[in-house]
């Protein structure tokens, strides 16, 4: 189950394995029927079939040893107080057909084709410059997107044809 959860996080959220193993129980947020995963500034929603996989939290591996009875790591390791080793998790993912580095690269590029770089950077925890560079390499079309609150008009602005002249 731990490999399924880690694989989904790589494939859907373009996260490096070194970051996945550092996730804690506090990074999984339950808000009513919605499950969110804190990867960047704002938590990312987890789609329903994947949210069910996060039941993994209740049955995490390496919890029955004397070294990890109260571990807060989502992927606890065998050593006391330590998360799962990223190189070991990456090797296990490769064994089941998920080449972590390539899958992460493909996932981030797909996200950048679907959304503006600024949004991807904030939600997935990437640096804005990295997301912009990858978007440019991918050929994304969001180059003119301006992040911010687009729900209201700038002060003093009125649409054409509504002036009092």
Protein backbone atom coordinates (compact mmCIF):
# COMPACT_ATOMS: atom_id res chain seq x y z
CA UNK A 1 0.00 0.00 0.00
CA UNK A 2 2.83 2.42 0.78
CA UNK A 3 4.13 2.04 -2.79
CA UNK A 4 0.70 2.82 -4.22
CA UNK A 5 0.41 5.98 -2.13
CA UNK A 6 3.95 7.11 -2.98
CA UNK A 7 3.44 6.30 -6.67
CA UNK A 8 0.23 8.30 -6.82
CA UNK A 9 1.93 11.30 -5.21
CA UNK A 10 4.73 11.12 -7.81
CA UNK A 11 2.35 10.68 -10.75
CA UNK A 12 -0.39 13.16 -9.79
CA UNK A 13 1.53 15.79 -7.88
CA UNK A 14 5.00 15.64 -9.51
CA UNK A 15 6.76 15.29 -6.17
CA UNK A 16 10.33 14.03 -5.83
CA UNK A 17 10.75 10.94 -3.68
CA UNK A 18 13.02 12.88 -1.32
CA UNK A 19 10.10 15.17 -0.57
CA UNK A 20 7.48 12.43 -0.37
CA UNK A 21 9.30 10.64 2.45
CA UNK A 22 9.36 13.92 4.44
CA UNK A 23 5.55 14.18 4.47
CA UNK A 24 3.98 13.88 7.90
CA UNK A 25 0.53 12.96 9.10
CA UNK A 26 -0.13 16.71 9.49
CA UNK A 27 0.30 17.15 5.73
CA UNK A 28 -2.84 15.08 5.10
CA UNK A 29 -5.83 17.27 5.94
CA UNK A 30 -9.37 15.97 6.25
CA UNK A 31 -12.04 18.62 5.81
CA UNK A 32 -15.38 16.87 5.99
CA UNK A 33 -15.55 14.56 2.98
CA UNK A 34 -12.61 16.29 1.29
CA UNK A 35 -9.02 15.15 1.70
CA UNK A 36 -6.20 17.61 1.02
CA UNK A 37 -2.44 17.13 0.79
CA UNK A 38 -0.16 19.97 1.86
CA UNK A 39 2.63 20.18 -0.71
CA UNK A 40 2.89 23.92 -1.30
CA UNK A 41 1.42 27.10 0.12
CA UNK A 42 -2.14 25.94 -0.31
CA UNK A 43 -3.16 22.29 0.16
CA UNK A 44 -3.99 20.28 -2.97
CA UNK A 45 -7.28 18.40 -3.17
CA UNK A 46 -7.01 14.65 -3.52
CA UNK A 47 -9.51 13.00 -5.90
CA UNK A 48 -11.80 10.40 -4.36
CA UNK A 49 -10.23 7.16 -5.59
CA UNK A 50 -6.83 8.38 -4.37
CA UNK A 51 -8.20 9.66 -1.07
CA UNK A 52 -9.22 6.09 -0.29
CA UNK A 53 -5.58 5.05 -0.66
CA UNK A 54 -4.67 7.41 2.13
CA UNK A 55 -6.29 4.97 4.51
CA UNK A 56 -2.70 3.75 4.36
CA UNK A 57 -2.15 6.22 7.19
CA UNK A 58 -4.01 3.99 9.61
CA UNK A 59 -1.96 0.93 8.56
CA UNK A 60 1.52 2.33 7.99
CA UNK A 61 4.48 -0.03 7.83
CA UNK A 62 7.23 -0.03 10.44
CA UNK A 63 4.88 1.07 13.23
CA UNK A 64 5.03 -2.15 15.23
CA UNK A 65 8.69 -1.80 16.21
CA UNK A 66 9.90 -0.28 19.45
CA UNK A 67 11.60 2.51 17.49
CA UNK A 68 8.47 3.98 15.85
CA UNK A 69 5.45 3.65 18.12
CA UNK A 70 4.39 7.29 17.64
CA UNK A 71 6.05 8.29 14.38
CA UNK A 72 4.47 11.28 12.63
CA UNK A 73 6.04 10.41 9.26
CA UNK A 74 3.60 9.37 6.55
CA UNK A 75 6.30 6.93 5.43
CA UNK A 76 8.15 5.95 8.62
CA UNK A 77 11.53 4.28 8.25
CA UNK A 78 13.07 1.45 10.17
CA UNK A 79 15.36 3.75 12.14
CA UNK A 80 13.94 5.53 15.18
CA UNK A 81 12.45 8.92 14.33
CA UNK A 82 13.51 8.74 10.69
CA UNK A 83 11.38 8.63 7.53
CA UNK A 84 11.73 5.98 4.86
CA UNK A 85 14.96 6.34 2.88
CA UNK A 86 14.33 8.10 -0.48
CA UNK A 87 16.77 5.91 -2.42
CA UNK A 88 15.07 2.76 -1.15
CA UNK A 89 11.59 4.07 -1.96
CA UNK A 90 12.74 5.11 -5.43
CA UNK A 91 14.18 1.63 -6.06
CA UNK A 92 10.92 -0.01 -4.92
CA UNK A 93 8.89 2.28 -7.20
CA UNK A 94 11.17 1.38 -10.11
CA UNK A 95 10.58 -2.31 -9.39
CA UNK A 96 6.81 -1.90 -9.79
CA UNK A 97 7.18 0.06 -13.02
CA UNK A 98 7.19 3.67 -11.83
CA UNK A 99 10.52 5.28 -12.71
CA UNK A 100 10.20 8.05 -10.12
CA UNK A 101 12.40 10.72 -11.73
CA UNK A 102 10.95 10.29 -15.23
CA UNK A 103 7.39 10.05 -13.91
CA UNK A 104 7.83 13.22 -11.86
CA UNK A 105 9.20 15.09 -14.87
CA UNK A 106 6.31 13.99 -17.06
CA UNK A 107 3.78 14.87 -14.35
CA UNK A 108 5.09 18.42 -13.80
CA UNK A 109 5.19 19.10 -17.53
CA UNK A 110 1.60 17.91 -17.92
CA UNK A 111 0.52 20.13 -15.02
CA UNK A 112 2.23 23.10 -16.69
CA UNK A 113 0.37 22.45 -19.94
CA UNK A 114 -2.93 22.45 -18.03
CA UNK A 115 -2.33 25.32 -15.58
CA UNK A 116 -0.29 28.51 -15.26
CA UNK A 117 3.24 28.11 -13.87
CA UNK A 118 2.48 30.37 -10.90
CA UNK A 119 -0.45 28.17 -9.85
CA UNK A 120 1.53 24.95 -10.30
CA UNK A 121 4.43 26.39 -8.30
CA UNK A 122 2.20 27.44 -5.39
CA UNK A 123 0.12 24.28 -5.20
CA UNK A 124 2.90 21.75 -5.74
CA UNK A 125 5.60 23.56 -3.80
CA UNK A 126 7.92 24.31 -6.72
CA UNK A 127 9.94 27.51 -7.03
CA UNK A 128 8.30 29.96 -9.44
CA UNK A 129 11.44 30.23 -11.58
CA UNK A 130 11.67 26.45 -11.91
CA UNK A 131 8.02 26.17 -12.90
CA UNK A 132 8.40 28.99 -15.45
CA UNK A 133 11.54 27.43 -16.95
CA UNK A 134 9.84 24.04 -17.26
CA UNK A 135 6.76 25.68 -18.78
CA UNK A 136 8.93 27.36 -21.40
CA UNK A 137 10.70 24.07 -22.18
CA UNK A 138 7.34 22.30 -22.45
CA UNK A 139 5.86 24.93 -24.75
CA UNK A 140 3.06 25.88 -22.37
CA UNK A 141 0.79 28.73 -23.39
CA UNK A 142 0.29 30.36 -19.99
CA UNK A 143 3.05 32.96 -20.48
CA UNK A 144 0.70 35.93 -20.09
CA UNK A 145 -1.06 34.71 -16.96
CA UNK A 146 -0.88 37.13 -14.03
CA UNK A 147 -1.40 35.48 -10.64
CA UNK A 148 -3.61 37.17 -8.10
CA UNK A 149 -7.26 37.93 -7.40
CA UNK A 150 -9.04 38.15 -10.75
CA UNK A 151 -12.48 38.20 -9.17
CA UNK A 152 -12.57 41.98 -8.89
CA UNK A 153 -11.65 44.89 -11.12
CA UNK A 154 -8.73 47.20 -10.33
CA UNK A 155 -9.65 50.38 -8.45
CA UNK A 156 -10.89 53.12 -10.77
CA UNK A 157 -11.41 50.78 -13.73
CA UNK A 158 -14.76 50.68 -15.52
CA UNK A 159 -15.59 48.54 -18.55
CA UNK A 160 -15.90 50.29 -21.92
CA UNK A 161 -19.33 51.61 -22.69
CA UNK A 162 -20.33 52.13 -19.08
CA UNK A 163 -18.78 55.56 -18.58
CA UNK A 164 -20.85 58.68 -17.92
CA UNK A 165 -19.54 60.59 -20.98
